[in-house]
Each structure stands twice: as structure tokens, then as C-alpha cells.
Amino acid sequence: MPTDKEVLSALGGVMDPDLNQDIVTLGFVKDLVIDGGRVAFTMELTTPACPMKDLMRGQAESAVRALKGVKEVDIRMTSRVRHGGGPSPRIELPGIANIVAVASGKGGVGKSTVSANIAAALAMEGARVGLMDADVYGPSIPLLMGVKEPPEGDDAGVDPVLHHGVKMISMGMFMGDDDAVIWRGPMLHRVVNQFLSEVRWGELDYLLVDLPPGTGDVQLSLCQLANVTGAVVVSTPQDAALRVAKRAIAMFGKLRTPVLGIIENMSGFACPDCGHRSTPFGSGGAKLAAEAAGICFLGGIPLAPEVCEASDAGVPVVIGKPDSPPAESFRAIARALASRLSVQSASPGNGPAHGACDCRAPGDAPTI
């Protein structure tokens, strides 16, 4: 039978493609047991949404099976999401491993729809996910996620609403359908502070923050108050949206917040009757902008009726129509984002905002 040393030596040839180290050096191999011809161990990855987990599991199994005397290999896959690095925040949130800002330079690009579906997709992978709707003037997360009940709370804090496996808070949960928020900057700062510090988020792997469009008070308050691991910028392919998206990227640079990548929404439309593909907003512009800025292109999402239908029904398309092209794209993007966050947490302070992009999942994201 092989020894522990021989098994670990074999597993030392299995690399994590994102972290560029072998799984033994990274400490992924745990609870190794050799019993007769059976070898069992746990592989603890840095995210349950790792896009390479099946590849690494297959390579690990093949490496161990090649050892003399091994008849059975039992690999248990688990994950432990690591805390992202960043400056010391004003609000300590030790239970939240990563805070991800979802931003756009302008409105109307589908940022909230992207936030809701990425949150749901990460939860479907087994991650503990929160979604904070910081779009105070136009809160749409309750509608997109089908939340109708207000959150419960007491003098000590507020409990987020749990729906579709995601913990959520939004100003929309405290407002009537016809109410309007008419606030100046200090009040916006206060609500961001309260959503972070007075909501009982508990233990989260990812807290996604759906920001209002533009480069204003809420963005500034979030990055000043919290340890934001990184930001994602959503844009459509058209030139006007991309020009404004570049301003959002520049804003995060000034706020010393790494930009994890760009997402292109409404990247193409396939006629449901004849299948003809058209690009009403252009195509590929966000990818070119990402390459020019030296950041990741996380993927494109097609313009599809089922996204609108699912959103109006309060069910993210990744849940309502999981086999549809946009749902597959959202899942691929969620895995790519999780991969970027793992890289970010492995080298805090260095960040992926600048330098070569090493994403692998975006190329696999289905498009129409």
C-alpha cells in the first residue's frame, strides 16, 4: 500500500489553475486515510463555486489511482471561503468573508438583475450569500427576488429576509409602492452604515452590494465604511454605456478598490421564432474595454425574454429557467467571480485591479 508521503507526493502534481500552486502546498488536502486498497481524503477549495473543481477532482483521482495497490479513491469536496484583503474598515464585519460592490456607470444596463442572479447562482453552488440593495432611490431587489414581507427586528438590529437561499435587505422593504426617497448625502451615508452594521448578516461567504448607478455618495460611503474586497462593473455593449462604465472603473481606482471584472449585459438577442441573432446594442464592446483597462471580462449575458419574465415573477432566471442560455451565462459568470475573489484573498493588498487577467471561466460562458 502507498504511504501518506507517496499519496501527498502524487497529489503535489495537481495544480489549482487560478492560484498557480499545487493543492498540497495550498493546504487543500485534509483528513487523508489509507485503508487497504482504499485512499480517502477531503479536498477543501477556496469557494464552492470554483469553476475548476471537477477538473482538479478528476486529476487528483487519476494521480492517486496510478499508485501501486490503490483500488478505490474517495474524495470529499468541501470549501472554505477566505477573507479578502483590504484597508482597515471603519465597520468591522468579521462574519463576512468578501464584500463585492456591483456597479454601473449609468442606469438601465440591468445591474440589479445581474446582482440578483449572481447572488442566487452563488447560493445554488452552496455558498452563504447576502444581497444588500444600496440603490436607495430605485430599490428593485425586492421585486426581482420576490420579497414581499418586511424584515423583522428589535432594538438590537434587523434580521435580513431570506429568499431563494439569499439573505437580503433593501430600502424597498421599508417603503410603500408609491413612496419616494428624497435624501441628501448624509442620510444616504447613514443608511449604508445601518445596512452594514445593524443588519444581522451572520456568517457569509459573499455579500453583494447592488449600488445605484453613477459615482456618488453611496459608492463613496460603502468604500469608506467597509472592507470591500472588489467591485464588478456592469455595462451594455453600446459606446455610451461603455464610456460611462470607464468612469465607474476610474472611481474605484481612486477609492483604492480593486475592479474584479466587467460584465456585458444584453450582449445579443436570438429570435425565439426563427433563431436569427441580432445585436441591438452592439456586441463585444465590454470585452474590448476590459482588455484595454487590463481587467477581467467576466462574461456576457444575452438579451432574452425569459430574464424579464422571471424578474417580473420575482424568481431569478437561474432558478426559474435554469437551462436557458442566460441562466447558463449567469452561472458561468458567478463561478468566474468566485475564482477572482479566491485569487484576491490569496494575495491581499496586491489585488487584480491592474495587471494581466487570468480568468478562465469567461471563455466558457455560453452566448447566443
Protein backbone atom coordinates (compact mmCIF):
# COMPACT_ATOMS: atom_id res chain seq x y z
CA MET A 1 0.00 0.00 0.00
CA PRO A 2 1.19 3.57 -0.62
CA THR A 3 2.29 5.67 2.31
CA ASP A 4 0.87 9.07 3.22
CA LYS A 5 4.02 10.63 1.81
CA GLU A 6 3.58 8.87 -1.53
CA VAL A 7 -0.07 9.92 -1.82
CA LEU A 8 0.76 13.54 -0.99
CA SER A 9 3.63 13.46 -3.47
CA ALA A 10 1.24 12.28 -6.20
CA LEU A 11 -1.28 14.97 -5.29
CA GLY A 12 1.51 17.55 -5.41
CA GLY A 13 1.27 17.34 -9.18
CA VAL A 14 -2.31 18.63 -9.19
CA MET A 15 -2.38 22.39 -9.68
CA ASP A 16 -5.03 24.98 -8.89
CA PRO A 17 -5.08 26.87 -12.21
CA ASP A 18 -6.20 30.12 -10.58
CA LEU A 19 -3.76 30.21 -7.66
CA ASN A 20 -0.89 28.67 -9.67
CA GLN A 21 0.12 26.32 -6.86
CA ASP A 22 -0.40 22.64 -6.18
CA ILE A 23 -3.24 21.51 -3.92
CA VAL A 24 -0.89 20.11 -1.25
CA THR A 25 1.07 23.35 -0.88
CA LEU A 26 -2.21 25.27 -0.73
CA GLY A 27 -3.42 23.06 2.12
CA PHE A 28 -6.42 21.74 0.20
CA VAL A 29 -5.76 18.08 1.11
CA LYS A 30 -7.11 17.14 4.53
CA ASP A 31 -8.14 14.05 6.53
CA LEU A 32 -6.07 11.62 4.49
CA VAL A 33 -6.90 7.97 5.30
CA ILE A 34 -5.32 4.88 3.71
CA ASP A 35 -7.17 1.65 4.47
CA GLY A 36 -6.22 -1.41 2.48
CA GLY A 37 -6.66 -0.54 -1.16
CA ARG A 38 -8.83 2.50 -0.36
CA VAL A 39 -7.49 6.04 -0.21
CA ALA A 40 -9.81 8.72 1.13
CA PHE A 41 -9.27 12.41 1.72
CA THR A 42 -11.01 15.76 1.72
CA MET A 43 -10.23 18.46 -0.84
CA GLU A 44 -11.10 21.83 0.68
CA LEU A 45 -11.28 24.51 -2.03
CA THR A 46 -11.45 28.28 -1.57
CA THR A 47 -15.01 28.54 -2.92
CA PRO A 48 -17.95 26.18 -3.52
CA ALA A 49 -18.37 27.88 -6.92
CA CYS A 50 -14.87 27.02 -8.14
CA PRO A 51 -15.09 26.63 -11.94
CA MET A 52 -12.18 24.16 -11.90
CA LYS A 53 -13.36 21.87 -9.11
CA ASP A 54 -14.36 18.98 -11.41
CA LEU A 55 -11.06 19.24 -13.27
CA MET A 56 -9.00 19.20 -10.06
CA ARG A 57 -11.02 16.35 -8.59
CA GLY A 58 -10.52 14.26 -11.72
CA GLN A 59 -6.78 14.97 -11.78
CA ALA A 60 -6.45 14.13 -8.09
CA GLU A 61 -8.30 10.85 -8.51
CA SER A 62 -6.18 9.86 -11.51
CA ALA A 63 -2.95 10.72 -9.69
CA VAL A 64 -3.82 8.56 -6.68
CA ARG A 65 -5.21 5.66 -8.73
CA ALA A 66 -1.88 5.47 -10.55
CA LEU A 67 -0.16 4.44 -7.30
CA LYS A 68 0.54 0.75 -6.82
CA GLY A 69 -2.03 -1.06 -4.66
CA VAL A 70 -4.77 1.57 -4.86
CA LYS A 71 -8.16 0.10 -5.77
CA GLU A 72 -10.53 2.83 -4.61
CA VAL A 73 -10.27 6.61 -4.28
CA ASP A 74 -12.82 8.51 -2.22
CA ILE A 75 -12.60 12.31 -2.45
CA ARG A 76 -14.90 14.52 -0.40
CA MET A 77 -15.19 18.03 -1.86
CA THR A 78 -15.69 20.92 0.57
CA SER A 79 -14.85 24.60 0.64
CA ARG A 80 -13.85 27.39 2.98
CA VAL A 81 -14.11 30.86 1.53
CA ARG A 82 -11.23 33.01 2.73
CA HIS A 83 -11.44 36.63 3.77
CA GLY A 84 -10.47 39.14 1.12
CA GLY A 85 -7.78 41.69 1.86
CA GLY A 86 -8.12 45.44 2.00
CA PRO A 87 -7.64 48.53 4.13
CA SER A 88 -8.84 48.64 7.73
CA PRO A 89 -12.56 49.46 7.63
CA ARG A 90 -14.49 51.73 9.93
CA ILE A 91 -17.08 48.97 10.43
CA GLU A 92 -15.75 45.55 11.39
CA LEU A 93 -17.71 42.69 9.81
CA PRO A 94 -15.74 39.60 10.81
CA GLY A 95 -18.51 37.20 9.79
CA ILE A 96 -18.43 38.35 6.15
CA ALA A 97 -15.57 36.93 4.10
CA ASN A 98 -15.98 39.08 0.98
CA ILE A 99 -17.91 42.23 0.13
CA VAL A 100 -18.45 42.74 -3.60
CA ALA A 101 -19.77 46.01 -5.00
CA VAL A 102 -21.87 45.65 -8.18
CA ALA A 103 -21.79 48.96 -10.03
CA SER A 104 -22.65 50.63 -13.32
CA GLY A 105 -21.75 53.98 -14.79
CA LYS A 106 -25.35 54.64 -15.84
CA GLY A 107 -28.83 53.29 -15.21
CA GLY A 108 -30.75 50.91 -17.43
CA VAL A 109 -27.97 48.37 -18.00
CA GLY A 110 -29.56 45.63 -15.85
CA LYS A 111 -27.21 45.94 -12.89
CA SER A 112 -29.79 44.87 -10.30
CA THR A 113 -30.87 41.89 -12.41
CA VAL A 114 -27.21 40.87 -12.65
CA SER A 115 -26.78 41.28 -8.87
CA ALA A 116 -29.86 39.17 -8.08
CA ASN A 117 -28.92 36.34 -10.45
CA ILE A 118 -25.26 36.19 -9.38
CA ALA A 119 -26.34 36.08 -5.73
CA ALA A 120 -28.81 33.27 -6.46
CA ALA A 121 -26.27 31.39 -8.58
CA LEU A 122 -23.64 31.50 -5.82
CA ALA A 123 -26.22 30.30 -3.29
CA MET A 124 -27.13 27.41 -5.62
CA GLU A 125 -23.45 26.40 -5.58
CA GLY A 126 -23.62 26.11 -1.78
CA ALA A 127 -22.18 29.48 -0.78
CA ARG A 128 -23.57 31.61 2.06
CA VAL A 129 -24.71 34.75 0.28
CA GLY A 130 -26.12 38.13 1.25
CA LEU A 131 -27.51 40.81 -1.05
CA MET A 132 -27.59 44.42 0.13
CA ASP A 133 -29.68 46.73 -2.03
CA ALA A 134 -27.90 50.06 -1.73
CA ASP A 135 -29.75 51.57 -4.70
CA VAL A 136 -31.70 53.73 -2.26
CA TYR A 137 -33.53 55.88 -4.82
CA GLY A 138 -34.64 52.97 -7.01
CA PRO A 139 -34.62 49.77 -4.93
CA SER A 140 -35.63 46.86 -7.17
CA ILE A 141 -34.14 43.83 -5.40
CA PRO A 142 -37.40 43.03 -3.50
CA LEU A 143 -39.28 42.84 -6.82
CA LEU A 144 -36.57 40.84 -8.59
CA MET A 145 -36.26 38.36 -5.69
CA GLY A 146 -39.97 38.12 -4.90
CA VAL A 147 -39.71 39.60 -1.40
CA LYS A 148 -43.00 40.98 -0.11
CA GLU A 149 -42.63 40.67 3.66
CA PRO A 150 -40.77 43.34 5.67
CA PRO A 151 -37.73 42.32 7.71
CA GLU A 152 -38.12 41.63 11.41
CA GLY A 153 -36.02 43.28 14.05
CA ASP A 154 -35.70 44.72 17.51
CA ASP A 155 -33.75 47.43 19.29
CA ALA A 156 -30.54 45.46 18.78
CA GLY A 157 -30.78 45.14 14.99
CA VAL A 158 -32.63 43.83 11.95
CA ASP A 159 -32.76 40.32 10.51
CA PRO A 160 -32.33 40.16 6.73
CA VAL A 161 -35.07 38.48 4.72
CA LEU A 162 -34.08 35.04 3.44
CA HIS A 163 -35.42 34.17 -0.01
CA HIS A 164 -34.09 31.86 -2.73
CA GLY A 165 -31.26 30.98 -0.33
CA VAL A 166 -30.05 34.62 -0.18
CA LYS A 167 -30.16 36.98 2.81
CA MET A 168 -31.41 40.41 1.71
CA ILE A 169 -32.02 43.94 2.90
CA SER A 170 -33.38 46.87 0.89
CA MET A 171 -34.99 50.27 1.40
CA GLY A 172 -37.77 48.85 -0.74
CA MET A 173 -38.75 46.63 2.19
CA PHE A 174 -39.46 49.72 4.31
CA MET A 175 -41.32 51.76 1.67
CA GLY A 176 -44.74 51.72 0.09
CA ASP A 177 -45.04 51.08 -3.64
CA ASP A 178 -45.63 54.76 -4.37
CA ASP A 179 -43.16 56.21 -1.85
CA ALA A 180 -40.07 58.14 -2.98
CA VAL A 181 -36.77 58.64 -1.18
CA ILE A 182 -35.69 62.29 -1.31
CA TRP A 183 -32.47 62.37 0.68
CA ARG A 184 -29.25 64.34 0.75
CA GLY A 185 -25.79 62.81 1.11
CA PRO A 186 -25.62 62.50 4.93
CA MET A 187 -28.81 60.43 5.01
CA LEU A 188 -27.53 58.15 2.27
CA HIS A 189 -24.33 57.66 4.27
CA ARG A 190 -26.40 56.79 7.33
CA VAL A 191 -28.47 54.11 5.57
CA VAL A 192 -25.34 52.45 4.18
CA ASN A 193 -23.91 52.47 7.71
CA GLN A 194 -27.09 50.95 9.13
CA PHE A 195 -27.36 48.26 6.45
CA LEU A 196 -23.80 47.20 7.21
CA SER A 197 -23.70 47.47 10.99
CA GLU A 198 -27.30 46.99 12.19
CA VAL A 199 -28.37 44.10 9.96
CA ARG A 200 -27.61 40.70 11.48
CA TRP A 201 -25.96 39.16 8.44
CA GLY A 202 -24.32 36.31 10.34
CA GLU A 203 -21.68 34.24 8.57
CA LEU A 204 -21.46 34.99 4.85
CA ASP A 205 -19.04 33.92 2.14
CA TYR A 206 -20.15 36.75 -0.12
CA LEU A 207 -22.11 39.95 0.47
CA LEU A 208 -23.06 41.51 -2.86
CA VAL A 209 -23.92 45.22 -2.72
CA ASP A 210 -26.15 46.46 -5.51
CA LEU A 211 -25.06 50.09 -5.91
CA PRO A 212 -27.02 52.93 -7.52
CA PRO A 213 -25.79 53.92 -10.98
CA GLY A 214 -23.12 56.55 -11.27
CA THR A 215 -20.30 57.70 -9.00
CA GLY A 216 -21.93 59.32 -5.99
CA ASP A 217 -22.45 59.36 -2.25
CA VAL A 218 -23.40 55.70 -1.76
CA GLN A 219 -20.32 54.40 -3.58
CA LEU A 220 -18.09 56.69 -1.55
CA SER A 221 -19.73 55.73 1.76
CA LEU A 222 -19.51 51.98 1.09
CA CYS A 223 -15.81 52.07 0.23
CA GLN A 224 -15.04 54.31 3.21
CA LEU A 225 -17.03 52.29 5.75
CA ALA A 226 -16.44 48.67 4.74
CA ASN A 227 -13.59 46.44 3.68
CA VAL A 228 -14.77 46.00 0.08
CA THR A 229 -12.91 43.07 -1.47
CA GLY A 230 -13.58 44.25 -5.00
CA ALA A 231 -16.06 45.67 -7.48
CA VAL A 232 -17.80 44.41 -10.59
CA VAL A 233 -18.89 46.85 -13.31
CA VAL A 234 -21.95 46.05 -15.46
CA SER A 235 -22.37 47.60 -18.90
CA THR A 236 -24.19 47.07 -22.16
CA PRO A 237 -22.10 46.85 -25.36
CA GLN A 238 -23.06 50.28 -26.68
CA ASP A 239 -20.49 53.06 -26.72
CA ALA A 240 -22.44 55.42 -24.44
CA ALA A 241 -22.69 52.82 -21.65
CA LEU A 242 -19.05 51.80 -22.00
CA ARG A 243 -17.83 55.39 -21.82
CA VAL A 244 -19.67 55.87 -18.54
CA ALA A 245 -18.57 52.44 -17.26
CA LYS A 246 -14.97 53.60 -17.63
CA ARG A 247 -15.75 56.41 -15.21
CA ALA A 248 -17.00 53.87 -12.68
CA ILE A 249 -13.75 51.94 -13.07
CA ALA A 250 -11.77 55.15 -12.54
CA MET A 251 -13.82 55.90 -9.42
CA PHE A 252 -12.95 52.58 -7.80
CA GLY A 253 -9.31 53.20 -8.63
CA LYS A 254 -9.42 56.48 -6.71
CA LEU A 255 -11.17 54.69 -3.83
CA ARG A 256 -8.43 52.02 -3.82
CA THR A 257 -10.97 49.27 -4.50
CA PRO A 258 -9.87 46.54 -6.96
CA VAL A 259 -12.09 46.04 -10.00
CA LEU A 260 -12.62 42.29 -10.32
CA GLY A 261 -14.08 42.47 -13.82
CA ILE A 262 -16.63 43.75 -16.31
CA ILE A 263 -19.90 42.04 -17.21
CA GLU A 264 -21.60 42.72 -20.54
CA ASN A 265 -25.39 42.58 -20.29
CA MET A 266 -27.78 42.48 -23.27
CA SER A 267 -24.95 41.22 -25.47
CA GLY A 268 -27.18 39.78 -28.20
CA PHE A 269 -30.70 38.63 -28.99
CA ALA A 270 -31.87 35.42 -30.64
CA CYS A 271 -35.37 35.50 -32.14
CA PRO A 272 -37.42 32.78 -30.37
CA ASP A 273 -39.29 32.03 -33.62
CA CYS A 274 -36.60 31.88 -36.30
CA GLY A 275 -33.41 31.80 -34.23
CA HIS A 276 -31.89 34.77 -36.08
CA ARG A 277 -29.30 36.50 -33.92
CA SER A 278 -29.17 40.27 -33.77
CA THR A 279 -27.19 42.74 -31.66
CA PRO A 280 -29.47 45.73 -30.95
CA PHE A 281 -26.95 47.23 -28.51
CA GLY A 282 -23.81 46.08 -30.28
CA SER A 283 -21.63 43.19 -29.13
CA GLY A 284 -18.21 42.63 -27.62
CA GLY A 285 -17.63 46.21 -26.53
CA ALA A 286 -17.30 45.37 -22.84
CA LYS A 287 -14.70 42.70 -23.57
CA LEU A 288 -12.62 45.18 -25.56
CA ALA A 289 -12.98 47.75 -22.78
CA ALA A 290 -11.82 45.18 -20.21
CA GLU A 291 -8.79 44.28 -22.31
CA ALA A 292 -7.92 47.96 -22.74
CA ALA A 293 -8.18 48.54 -18.98
CA GLY A 294 -6.20 45.40 -18.12
CA ILE A 295 -9.02 43.83 -16.10
CA CYS A 296 -11.09 40.68 -16.49
CA PHE A 297 -14.04 40.23 -18.78
CA LEU A 298 -16.27 38.04 -16.61
CA GLY A 299 -18.72 37.16 -19.37
CA GLY A 300 -21.67 38.25 -21.50
CA ILE A 301 -25.40 37.76 -20.88
CA PRO A 302 -27.80 37.55 -23.82
CA LEU A 303 -30.90 39.71 -24.10
CA ALA A 304 -33.69 37.18 -23.59
CA PRO A 305 -37.42 37.34 -22.79
CA GLU A 306 -37.11 34.75 -20.04
CA VAL A 307 -34.92 37.12 -17.98
CA CYS A 308 -37.67 39.75 -17.96
CA GLU A 309 -40.39 37.18 -17.31
CA ALA A 310 -38.51 35.64 -14.40
CA SER A 311 -37.68 39.04 -12.92
CA ASP A 312 -41.31 40.17 -13.05
CA ALA A 313 -42.29 36.93 -11.31
CA GLY A 314 -39.78 37.54 -8.52
CA VAL A 315 -37.70 34.47 -9.40
CA PRO A 316 -34.15 34.90 -10.76
CA VAL A 317 -33.81 33.21 -14.14
CA VAL A 318 -31.04 30.94 -12.79
CA ILE A 319 -33.73 29.41 -10.57
CA GLY A 320 -36.86 29.83 -12.71
CA LYS A 321 -35.37 28.63 -16.01
CA PRO A 322 -32.01 27.06 -15.14
CA ASP A 323 -31.47 25.52 -18.59
CA SER A 324 -31.93 28.75 -20.53
CA PRO A 325 -28.94 30.47 -22.20
CA PRO A 326 -29.00 33.49 -19.86
CA ALA A 327 -29.12 31.24 -16.78
CA GLU A 328 -26.08 29.32 -18.03
CA SER A 329 -24.27 32.62 -18.62
CA PHE A 330 -25.10 33.91 -15.13
CA ARG A 331 -23.79 30.69 -13.55
CA ALA A 332 -20.55 30.86 -15.53
CA ILE A 333 -20.08 34.49 -14.51
CA ALA A 334 -20.77 33.67 -10.85
CA ARG A 335 -18.09 30.97 -10.94
CA ALA A 336 -15.64 33.31 -12.66
CA LEU A 337 -16.29 35.95 -10.00
CA ALA A 338 -15.77 33.41 -7.21
CA SER A 339 -12.49 32.45 -8.85
CA ARG A 340 -11.34 36.07 -8.96
CA LEU A 341 -12.22 36.50 -5.30
CA SER A 342 -10.16 33.43 -4.40
CA VAL A 343 -7.18 34.93 -6.22
CA GLN A 344 -7.78 38.24 -4.46
CA SER A 345 -7.89 36.65 -1.00
CA ALA A 346 -4.71 34.68 -1.72
CA SER A 347 -2.76 37.89 -2.29
CA PRO A 348 -4.40 40.65 -0.22
CA GLY A 349 -3.22 44.13 -0.98
CA ASN A 350 -1.98 43.25 -4.46
CA GLY A 351 -5.42 42.87 -5.99
CA PRO A 352 -6.47 42.02 -9.54
CA ALA A 353 -7.41 45.58 -10.49
CA HIS A 354 -4.30 46.01 -12.61
CA GLY A 355 -2.13 43.58 -14.49
CA ALA A 356 -2.86 40.59 -16.68
CA CYS A 357 -6.20 38.86 -16.36
CA ASP A 358 -6.03 35.16 -15.57
CA CYS A 359 -9.74 34.34 -15.77
CA ARG A 360 -10.58 31.01 -17.36
CA ALA A 361 -14.32 30.64 -16.95
CA PRO A 362 -15.44 33.65 -19.05
CA GLY A 363 -14.48 31.99 -22.29
CA ASP A 364 -16.79 29.12 -21.40
CA ALA A 365 -19.79 31.37 -20.71
CA PRO A 366 -22.50 30.48 -23.23
CA THR A 367 -23.57 33.19 -25.63
CA ILE A 368 -26.26 33.20 -28.29
